[in-house]
Amino acid sequence: MRLVLSILLLAVSQCLCQSNDEGWANPEEKECIRSLSLEESHIGEVVKAYAPGNLPEDDDAFSKFIHCRGQQMGVQHSNGELNIANLIQLVKYFPEGIFKENAPEGSVLGEAIAEETIKHCKNVPVGNSAGQTLIRLQNCIDSYLVSYYKK
């Protein structure tokens, strides 16, 4: 089952946790695309190609989109500063099935795993933009959770 993580999005995301069909963009995502004059088809291609830990860090349009979504979701301020408490609240509801094979239907990560993950990833290197920093954070979160569930 292919899921798209909304960093978050991260993410960063909840757009990336939605399905891979053509109607991927919710009203908030469409607002970011419209207000930033981005091409929905390009953002959609990036979202549909999503694999945990592999969001593109060098795509300026996607970076702008992610920063907008981060602000909408309260995980990143306009100056790029991360809101750690809100990140934990978001990550704890990530579907466990993205990272764990045979996860029970509807299971989520939970607060303990979310706190551990954010503690591990909150000091990712700052990017050239607020969006790039958030993408780096989402990639760290994804990679950490993939390895966590492989233990």
N, C-alpha and C. Protein backbone atom coordinates (compact mmCIF):
# COMPACT_ATOMS: atom_id res chain seq x y z
N MET A 1 0.85 -1.18 0.00
CA MET A 1 0.00 0.00 0.00
C MET A 1 0.89 1.23 0.00
N ARG A 2 0.70 2.08 -0.96
CA ARG A 2 1.52 3.27 -1.09
C ARG A 2 0.83 4.44 -0.45
N LEU A 3 1.48 5.03 0.54
CA LEU A 3 0.91 6.20 1.20
C LEU A 3 1.79 7.41 0.93
N VAL A 4 1.18 8.54 0.97
CA VAL A 4 1.92 9.78 0.77
C VAL A 4 1.90 10.54 2.08
N LEU A 5 3.04 10.95 2.54
CA LEU A 5 3.14 11.62 3.83
C LEU A 5 2.91 13.11 3.70
N SER A 6 2.02 13.63 4.45
CA SER A 6 1.67 15.03 4.38
C SER A 6 2.40 15.74 5.47
N ILE A 7 4.24 16.12 5.65
CA ILE A 7 5.02 16.71 6.52
C ILE A 7 4.46 17.20 6.35
N LEU A 8 3.93 16.79 7.04
CA LEU A 8 4.62 17.12 7.77
C LEU A 8 4.53 17.83 7.05
N LEU A 9 4.08 16.84 7.05
CA LEU A 9 4.31 17.30 6.45
C LEU A 9 3.19 16.90 6.13
N LEU A 10 6.02 17.21 7.22
CA LEU A 10 6.37 16.95 7.21
C LEU A 10 4.92 16.89 7.17
N ALA A 11 5.56 15.86 5.63
CA ALA A 11 5.47 15.83 5.90
C ALA A 11 4.86 16.44 5.32
N VAL A 12 5.18 17.63 7.35
CA VAL A 12 5.41 18.00 7.21
C VAL A 12 4.68 17.59 6.80
N SER A 13 3.61 17.32 6.64
CA SER A 13 3.12 16.95 6.42
C SER A 13 1.87 16.13 6.26
N GLN A 14 0.29 16.62 6.24
CA GLN A 14 -0.49 15.42 6.18
C GLN A 14 -0.83 15.09 4.75
N CYS A 15 -0.44 15.91 3.81
CA CYS A 15 -0.71 15.58 2.41
C CYS A 15 0.01 14.30 2.03
N LEU A 16 1.13 14.01 2.65
CA LEU A 16 1.90 12.84 2.28
C LEU A 16 1.35 11.56 2.89
N CYS A 17 0.39 11.64 3.79
CA CYS A 17 -0.24 10.45 4.36
C CYS A 17 -1.50 10.08 3.59
N GLN A 18 -1.84 10.85 2.61
CA GLN A 18 -3.06 10.60 1.86
C GLN A 18 -2.76 9.71 0.67
N SER A 19 -3.79 9.34 -0.04
CA SER A 19 -3.63 8.41 -1.15
C SER A 19 -2.88 9.04 -2.32
N ASN A 20 -2.43 8.19 -3.22
CA ASN A 20 -1.65 8.60 -4.38
C ASN A 20 -2.52 8.89 -5.59
N ASP A 21 -3.78 9.16 -5.43
CA ASP A 21 -4.60 9.41 -6.60
C ASP A 21 -4.48 10.86 -7.05
N GLU A 22 -5.10 11.17 -8.18
CA GLU A 22 -4.98 12.50 -8.75
C GLU A 22 -5.53 13.59 -7.85
N GLY A 23 -6.49 13.30 -7.01
CA GLY A 23 -7.09 14.29 -6.14
C GLY A 23 -6.39 14.40 -4.81
N TRP A 24 -5.09 14.35 -4.81
CA TRP A 24 -4.32 14.32 -3.57
C TRP A 24 -4.43 15.60 -2.77
N ALA A 25 -4.57 16.74 -3.40
CA ALA A 25 -4.48 18.01 -2.68
C ALA A 25 -5.79 18.34 -1.95
N ASN A 26 -5.65 18.59 -0.65
CA ASN A 26 -6.82 19.03 0.13
C ASN A 26 -6.92 20.56 0.02
N PRO A 27 -7.96 21.18 0.56
CA PRO A 27 -8.12 22.63 0.41
C PRO A 27 -6.94 23.45 0.95
N GLU A 28 -6.35 23.02 2.05
CA GLU A 28 -5.21 23.76 2.61
C GLU A 28 -4.00 23.67 1.68
N GLU A 29 -3.77 22.48 1.14
CA GLU A 29 -2.65 22.30 0.21
C GLU A 29 -2.88 23.14 -1.05
N LYS A 30 -4.11 23.14 -1.54
CA LYS A 30 -4.43 23.94 -2.73
C LYS A 30 -4.24 25.43 -2.44
N GLU A 31 -4.54 25.86 -1.21
CA GLU A 31 -4.33 27.26 -0.85
C GLU A 31 -2.84 27.61 -0.90
N CYS A 32 -1.99 26.73 -0.41
CA CYS A 32 -0.54 26.97 -0.49
C CYS A 32 -0.09 27.06 -1.94
N ILE A 33 -0.56 26.14 -2.75
CA ILE A 33 -0.19 26.13 -4.16
C ILE A 33 -0.64 27.42 -4.83
N ARG A 34 -1.88 27.83 -4.58
CA ARG A 34 -2.43 29.04 -5.19
C ARG A 34 -1.71 30.30 -4.69
N SER A 35 -1.57 30.42 -3.37
CA SER A 35 -0.98 31.64 -2.81
C SER A 35 0.49 31.82 -3.18
N LEU A 36 1.17 30.73 -3.46
CA LEU A 36 2.58 30.80 -3.82
C LEU A 36 2.80 30.71 -5.34
N SER A 37 1.69 30.65 -6.09
CA SER A 37 1.75 30.54 -7.56
C SER A 37 2.61 29.36 -8.01
N LEU A 38 2.39 28.21 -7.38
CA LEU A 38 3.12 27.00 -7.72
C LEU A 38 2.31 26.17 -8.71
N GLU A 39 2.97 25.29 -9.41
CA GLU A 39 2.30 24.39 -10.34
C GLU A 39 1.83 23.16 -9.57
N GLU A 40 0.51 22.97 -9.50
CA GLU A 40 -0.03 21.82 -8.77
C GLU A 40 0.48 20.51 -9.34
N SER A 41 0.63 20.43 -10.64
CA SER A 41 1.10 19.18 -11.25
C SER A 41 2.51 18.82 -10.77
N HIS A 42 3.37 19.83 -10.65
CA HIS A 42 4.73 19.56 -10.17
C HIS A 42 4.72 19.10 -8.72
N ILE A 43 4.00 19.83 -7.86
CA ILE A 43 3.93 19.44 -6.44
C ILE A 43 3.32 18.05 -6.33
N GLY A 44 2.29 17.78 -7.12
CA GLY A 44 1.66 16.46 -7.12
C GLY A 44 2.62 15.35 -7.50
N GLU A 45 3.49 15.61 -8.49
CA GLU A 45 4.48 14.61 -8.90
C GLU A 45 5.43 14.29 -7.75
N VAL A 46 5.87 15.32 -7.04
CA VAL A 46 6.77 15.10 -5.91
C VAL A 46 6.07 14.30 -4.81
N VAL A 47 4.84 14.68 -4.51
CA VAL A 47 4.07 14.00 -3.47
C VAL A 47 3.83 12.54 -3.85
N LYS A 48 3.47 12.30 -5.10
CA LYS A 48 3.17 10.94 -5.54
C LYS A 48 4.41 10.06 -5.59
N ALA A 49 5.58 10.66 -5.77
CA ALA A 49 6.83 9.90 -5.81
C ALA A 49 7.41 9.66 -4.42
N TYR A 50 6.74 10.16 -3.39
CA TYR A 50 7.23 10.08 -2.02
C TYR A 50 7.57 8.66 -1.60
N ALA A 51 8.73 8.53 -1.00
CA ALA A 51 9.14 7.31 -0.31
C ALA A 51 9.77 7.79 1.00
N PRO A 52 9.46 7.14 2.13
CA PRO A 52 9.98 7.62 3.42
C PRO A 52 11.48 7.90 3.40
N GLY A 53 11.82 9.12 3.79
CA GLY A 53 13.22 9.54 3.88
C GLY A 53 13.79 10.09 2.60
N ASN A 54 12.98 10.22 1.56
CA ASN A 54 13.50 10.63 0.26
C ASN A 54 12.80 11.84 -0.35
N LEU A 55 12.36 12.77 0.46
CA LEU A 55 11.81 14.00 -0.10
C LEU A 55 12.96 14.83 -0.68
N PRO A 56 12.75 15.47 -1.83
CA PRO A 56 13.83 16.24 -2.45
C PRO A 56 14.13 17.52 -1.67
N GLU A 57 15.40 17.68 -1.32
CA GLU A 57 15.82 18.87 -0.56
C GLU A 57 16.15 20.05 -1.46
N ASP A 58 16.32 19.81 -2.74
CA ASP A 58 16.78 20.87 -3.64
C ASP A 58 15.71 21.36 -4.61
N ASP A 59 14.45 21.10 -4.31
CA ASP A 59 13.35 21.53 -5.15
C ASP A 59 12.73 22.78 -4.52
N ASP A 60 13.02 23.95 -5.10
CA ASP A 60 12.57 25.22 -4.51
C ASP A 60 11.06 25.32 -4.39
N ALA A 61 10.34 24.87 -5.42
CA ALA A 61 8.88 24.96 -5.38
C ALA A 61 8.32 24.07 -4.27
N PHE A 62 8.82 22.85 -4.16
CA PHE A 62 8.33 21.95 -3.13
C PHE A 62 8.71 22.48 -1.74
N SER A 63 9.88 23.07 -1.63
CA SER A 63 10.33 23.67 -0.37
C SER A 63 9.38 24.78 0.08
N LYS A 64 8.97 25.62 -0.85
CA LYS A 64 8.01 26.69 -0.53
C LYS A 64 6.68 26.10 -0.10
N PHE A 65 6.24 25.06 -0.81
CA PHE A 65 4.99 24.38 -0.47
C PHE A 65 5.05 23.79 0.94
N ILE A 66 6.14 23.11 1.25
CA ILE A 66 6.29 22.47 2.56
C ILE A 66 6.32 23.51 3.68
N HIS A 67 6.99 24.62 3.46
CA HIS A 67 7.03 25.67 4.48
C HIS A 67 5.63 26.22 4.71
N CYS A 68 4.88 26.43 3.65
CA CYS A 68 3.50 26.91 3.79
C CYS A 68 2.67 25.90 4.59
N ARG A 69 2.78 24.62 4.25
CA ARG A 69 2.04 23.59 4.97
C ARG A 69 2.50 23.52 6.44
N GLY A 70 3.79 23.68 6.67
CA GLY A 70 4.30 23.67 8.04
C GLY A 70 3.71 24.79 8.88
N GLN A 71 3.55 25.96 8.27
CA GLN A 71 2.92 27.08 8.97
C GLN A 71 1.45 26.80 9.22
N GLN A 72 0.76 26.30 8.20
CA GLN A 72 -0.66 25.98 8.36
C GLN A 72 -0.88 24.98 9.49
N MET A 73 0.01 24.03 9.62
CA MET A 73 -0.15 22.96 10.62
C MET A 73 0.45 23.34 11.97
N GLY A 74 1.07 24.50 12.04
CA GLY A 74 1.61 24.97 13.31
C GLY A 74 2.90 24.30 13.74
N VAL A 75 3.61 23.68 12.81
CA VAL A 75 4.87 23.03 13.17
C VAL A 75 6.09 23.88 12.83
N GLN A 76 5.87 24.96 12.09
CA GLN A 76 6.97 25.85 11.74
C GLN A 76 6.45 27.28 11.69
N HIS A 77 7.23 28.19 12.27
CA HIS A 77 6.87 29.61 12.25
C HIS A 77 7.32 30.23 10.92
N SER A 78 6.85 31.42 10.64
CA SER A 78 7.19 32.08 9.38
C SER A 78 8.70 32.31 9.24
N ASN A 79 9.40 32.45 10.37
CA ASN A 79 10.85 32.64 10.32
C ASN A 79 11.62 31.32 10.18
N GLY A 80 10.90 30.21 10.10
CA GLY A 80 11.53 28.90 9.93
C GLY A 80 11.75 28.13 11.21
N GLU A 81 11.55 28.79 12.35
CA GLU A 81 11.74 28.11 13.64
C GLU A 81 10.70 26.99 13.79
N LEU A 82 11.18 25.86 14.29
CA LEU A 82 10.30 24.70 14.47
C LEU A 82 9.56 24.80 15.79
N ASN A 83 8.32 24.35 15.82
CA ASN A 83 7.52 24.27 17.03
C ASN A 83 7.55 22.80 17.46
N ILE A 84 8.46 22.47 18.37
CA ILE A 84 8.71 21.08 18.76
C ILE A 84 7.48 20.43 19.38
N ALA A 85 6.78 21.14 20.24
CA ALA A 85 5.59 20.55 20.88
C ALA A 85 4.54 20.18 19.84
N ASN A 86 4.32 21.04 18.86
CA ASN A 86 3.34 20.74 17.82
C ASN A 86 3.82 19.62 16.90
N LEU A 87 5.13 19.56 16.67
CA LEU A 87 5.68 18.46 15.86
C LEU A 87 5.39 17.11 16.52
N ILE A 88 5.62 17.04 17.82
CA ILE A 88 5.36 15.79 18.54
C ILE A 88 3.89 15.42 18.43
N GLN A 89 3.02 16.41 18.60
CA GLN A 89 1.58 16.15 18.50
C GLN A 89 1.19 15.64 17.11
N LEU A 90 1.84 16.16 16.08
CA LEU A 90 1.56 15.71 14.72
C LEU A 90 2.11 14.30 14.48
N VAL A 91 3.37 14.10 14.83
CA VAL A 91 4.03 12.83 14.55
C VAL A 91 3.38 11.67 15.30
N LYS A 92 2.87 11.91 16.47
CA LYS A 92 2.27 10.80 17.23
C LYS A 92 1.07 10.20 16.52
N TYR A 93 0.47 10.93 15.59
CA TYR A 93 -0.68 10.43 14.84
C TYR A 93 -0.31 9.91 13.45
N PHE A 94 0.98 9.85 13.13
CA PHE A 94 1.38 9.26 11.86
C PHE A 94 0.93 7.81 11.84
N PRO A 95 0.38 7.34 10.73
CA PRO A 95 -0.02 5.93 10.64
C PRO A 95 1.20 5.00 10.75
N GLU A 96 1.13 4.06 11.65
CA GLU A 96 2.24 3.14 11.89
C GLU A 96 2.55 2.31 10.63
N GLY A 97 1.52 2.07 9.82
CA GLY A 97 1.69 1.25 8.62
C GLY A 97 2.63 1.83 7.58
N ILE A 98 2.95 3.11 7.67
CA ILE A 98 3.92 3.71 6.74
C ILE A 98 5.30 3.11 6.98
N PHE A 99 5.59 2.80 8.23
CA PHE A 99 6.93 2.39 8.62
C PHE A 99 7.04 0.94 9.07
N LYS A 100 5.94 0.31 9.40
CA LYS A 100 5.95 -1.03 9.98
C LYS A 100 5.08 -1.97 9.16
N GLU A 101 5.68 -3.07 8.74
CA GLU A 101 4.90 -4.07 8.02
C GLU A 101 3.90 -4.71 8.97
N ASN A 102 2.76 -5.05 8.46
CA ASN A 102 1.71 -5.73 9.23
C ASN A 102 1.24 -4.96 10.45
N ALA A 103 1.31 -3.64 10.38
CA ALA A 103 0.79 -2.83 11.49
C ALA A 103 -0.73 -2.99 11.53
N PRO A 104 -1.30 -3.03 12.72
CA PRO A 104 -2.76 -3.13 12.81
C PRO A 104 -3.43 -1.94 12.12
N GLU A 105 -4.53 -2.22 11.47
CA GLU A 105 -5.30 -1.18 10.78
C GLU A 105 -5.60 -0.03 11.75
N GLY A 106 -5.29 1.18 11.34
CA GLY A 106 -5.61 2.36 12.14
C GLY A 106 -4.63 2.66 13.27
N SER A 107 -3.58 1.85 13.42
CA SER A 107 -2.62 2.12 14.50
C SER A 107 -1.76 3.33 14.16
N VAL A 108 -1.42 4.09 15.19
CA VAL A 108 -0.58 5.28 15.04
C VAL A 108 0.67 5.13 15.88
N LEU A 109 1.64 6.00 15.66
CA LEU A 109 2.92 5.88 16.35
C LEU A 109 2.81 6.03 17.85
N GLY A 110 2.08 7.01 18.31
CA GLY A 110 1.95 7.26 19.74
C GLY A 110 2.97 8.27 20.23
N GLU A 111 2.71 8.79 21.43
CA GLU A 111 3.51 9.90 21.96
C GLU A 111 4.95 9.52 22.29
N ALA A 112 5.19 8.36 22.87
CA ALA A 112 6.55 7.97 23.26
C ALA A 112 7.47 7.88 22.05
N ILE A 113 7.02 7.23 20.99
CA ILE A 113 7.83 7.10 19.77
C ILE A 113 7.99 8.47 19.11
N ALA A 114 6.94 9.27 19.11
CA ALA A 114 7.02 10.61 18.52
C ALA A 114 8.05 11.46 19.26
N GLU A 115 8.02 11.44 20.59
CA GLU A 115 8.99 12.22 21.37
C GLU A 115 10.42 11.75 21.10
N GLU A 116 10.63 10.45 21.07
CA GLU A 116 11.96 9.90 20.81
C GLU A 116 12.45 10.31 19.41
N THR A 117 11.56 10.25 18.45
CA THR A 117 11.90 10.59 17.07
C THR A 117 12.25 12.07 16.94
N ILE A 118 11.44 12.93 17.49
CA ILE A 118 11.70 14.37 17.40
C ILE A 118 12.97 14.73 18.17
N LYS A 119 13.20 14.11 19.30
CA LYS A 119 14.43 14.35 20.06
C LYS A 119 15.65 14.01 19.18
N HIS A 120 15.54 12.91 18.46
CA HIS A 120 16.64 12.48 17.59
C HIS A 120 16.84 13.43 16.40
N CYS A 121 15.75 14.00 15.87
CA CYS A 121 15.81 14.74 14.61
C CYS A 121 15.74 16.26 14.73
N LYS A 122 15.44 16.79 15.90
CA LYS A 122 15.15 18.23 16.00
C LYS A 122 16.33 19.14 15.67
N ASN A 123 17.54 18.60 15.65
CA ASN A 123 18.71 19.43 15.36
C ASN A 123 19.30 19.15 13.99
N VAL A 124 18.44 18.84 13.02
CA VAL A 124 18.94 18.64 11.66
C VAL A 124 19.60 19.94 11.20
N PRO A 125 20.56 19.84 10.28
CA PRO A 125 21.19 21.06 9.79
C PRO A 125 20.16 22.00 9.15
N VAL A 126 20.28 23.27 9.45
CA VAL A 126 19.39 24.28 8.89
C VAL A 126 19.64 24.33 7.39
N GLY A 127 18.55 24.38 6.63
CA GLY A 127 18.66 24.44 5.18
C GLY A 127 18.83 25.86 4.67
N ASN A 128 18.86 25.99 3.36
CA ASN A 128 18.96 27.31 2.72
C ASN A 128 17.66 28.08 2.80
N SER A 129 16.59 27.37 3.19
CA SER A 129 15.29 28.00 3.35
C SER A 129 14.56 27.28 4.47
N ALA A 130 13.49 27.90 4.96
CA ALA A 130 12.70 27.27 6.02
C ALA A 130 12.10 25.95 5.52
N GLY A 131 11.68 25.93 4.27
CA GLY A 131 11.12 24.71 3.70
C GLY A 131 12.14 23.60 3.61
N GLN A 132 13.36 23.93 3.21
CA GLN A 132 14.40 22.92 3.12
C GLN A 132 14.71 22.34 4.49
N THR A 133 14.70 23.18 5.52
CA THR A 133 14.92 22.68 6.88
C THR A 133 13.82 21.70 7.27
N LEU A 134 12.59 22.03 6.94
CA LEU A 134 11.47 21.15 7.28
C LEU A 134 11.54 19.85 6.48
N ILE A 135 11.96 19.91 5.24
CA ILE A 135 12.15 18.70 4.44
C ILE A 135 13.23 17.83 5.06
N ARG A 136 14.33 18.44 5.48
CA ARG A 136 15.40 17.67 6.14
C ARG A 136 14.88 17.00 7.41
N LEU A 137 14.06 17.74 8.15
CA LEU A 137 13.47 17.17 9.37
C LEU A 137 12.59 15.98 9.01
N GLN A 138 11.73 16.14 8.00
CA GLN A 138 10.84 15.04 7.60
C GLN A 138 11.64 13.83 7.14
N ASN A 139 12.70 14.05 6.36
CA ASN A 139 13.53 12.94 5.93
C ASN A 139 14.18 12.24 7.11
N CYS A 140 14.62 13.00 8.10
CA CYS A 140 15.20 12.42 9.31
C CYS A 140 14.16 11.61 10.06
N ILE A 141 12.98 12.17 10.23
CA ILE A 141 11.89 11.47 10.94
C ILE A 141 11.59 10.15 10.23
N ASP A 142 11.42 10.21 8.93
CA ASP A 142 11.10 9.01 8.16
C ASP A 142 12.20 7.95 8.29
N SER A 143 13.45 8.37 8.11
CA SER A 143 14.57 7.42 8.18
C SER A 143 14.68 6.82 9.58
N TYR A 144 14.50 7.65 10.57
CA TYR A 144 14.58 7.16 11.96
C TYR A 144 13.49 6.12 12.22
N LEU A 145 12.28 6.42 11.79
CA LEU A 145 11.17 5.49 12.05
C LEU A 145 11.30 4.20 11.25
N VAL A 146 11.81 4.28 10.03
CA VAL A 146 12.05 3.05 9.26
C VAL A 146 13.04 2.17 10.01
N SER A 147 14.14 2.75 10.49
CA SER A 147 15.14 1.95 11.21
C SER A 147 14.60 1.50 12.57
N TYR A 148 13.79 2.31 13.23
CA TYR A 148 13.18 1.96 14.52
C TYR A 148 12.37 0.68 14.39
N TYR A 149 11.57 0.60 13.35
CA TYR A 149 10.70 -0.56 13.18
C TYR A 149 11.42 -1.77 12.58
N LYS A 150 12.65 -1.59 12.13
CA LYS A 150 13.43 -2.73 11.64
C LYS A 150 14.17 -3.42 12.78
N LYS A 151 14.19 -2.80 13.96
CA LYS A 151 14.91 -3.39 15.11
C LYS A 151 14.34 -4.73 15.46
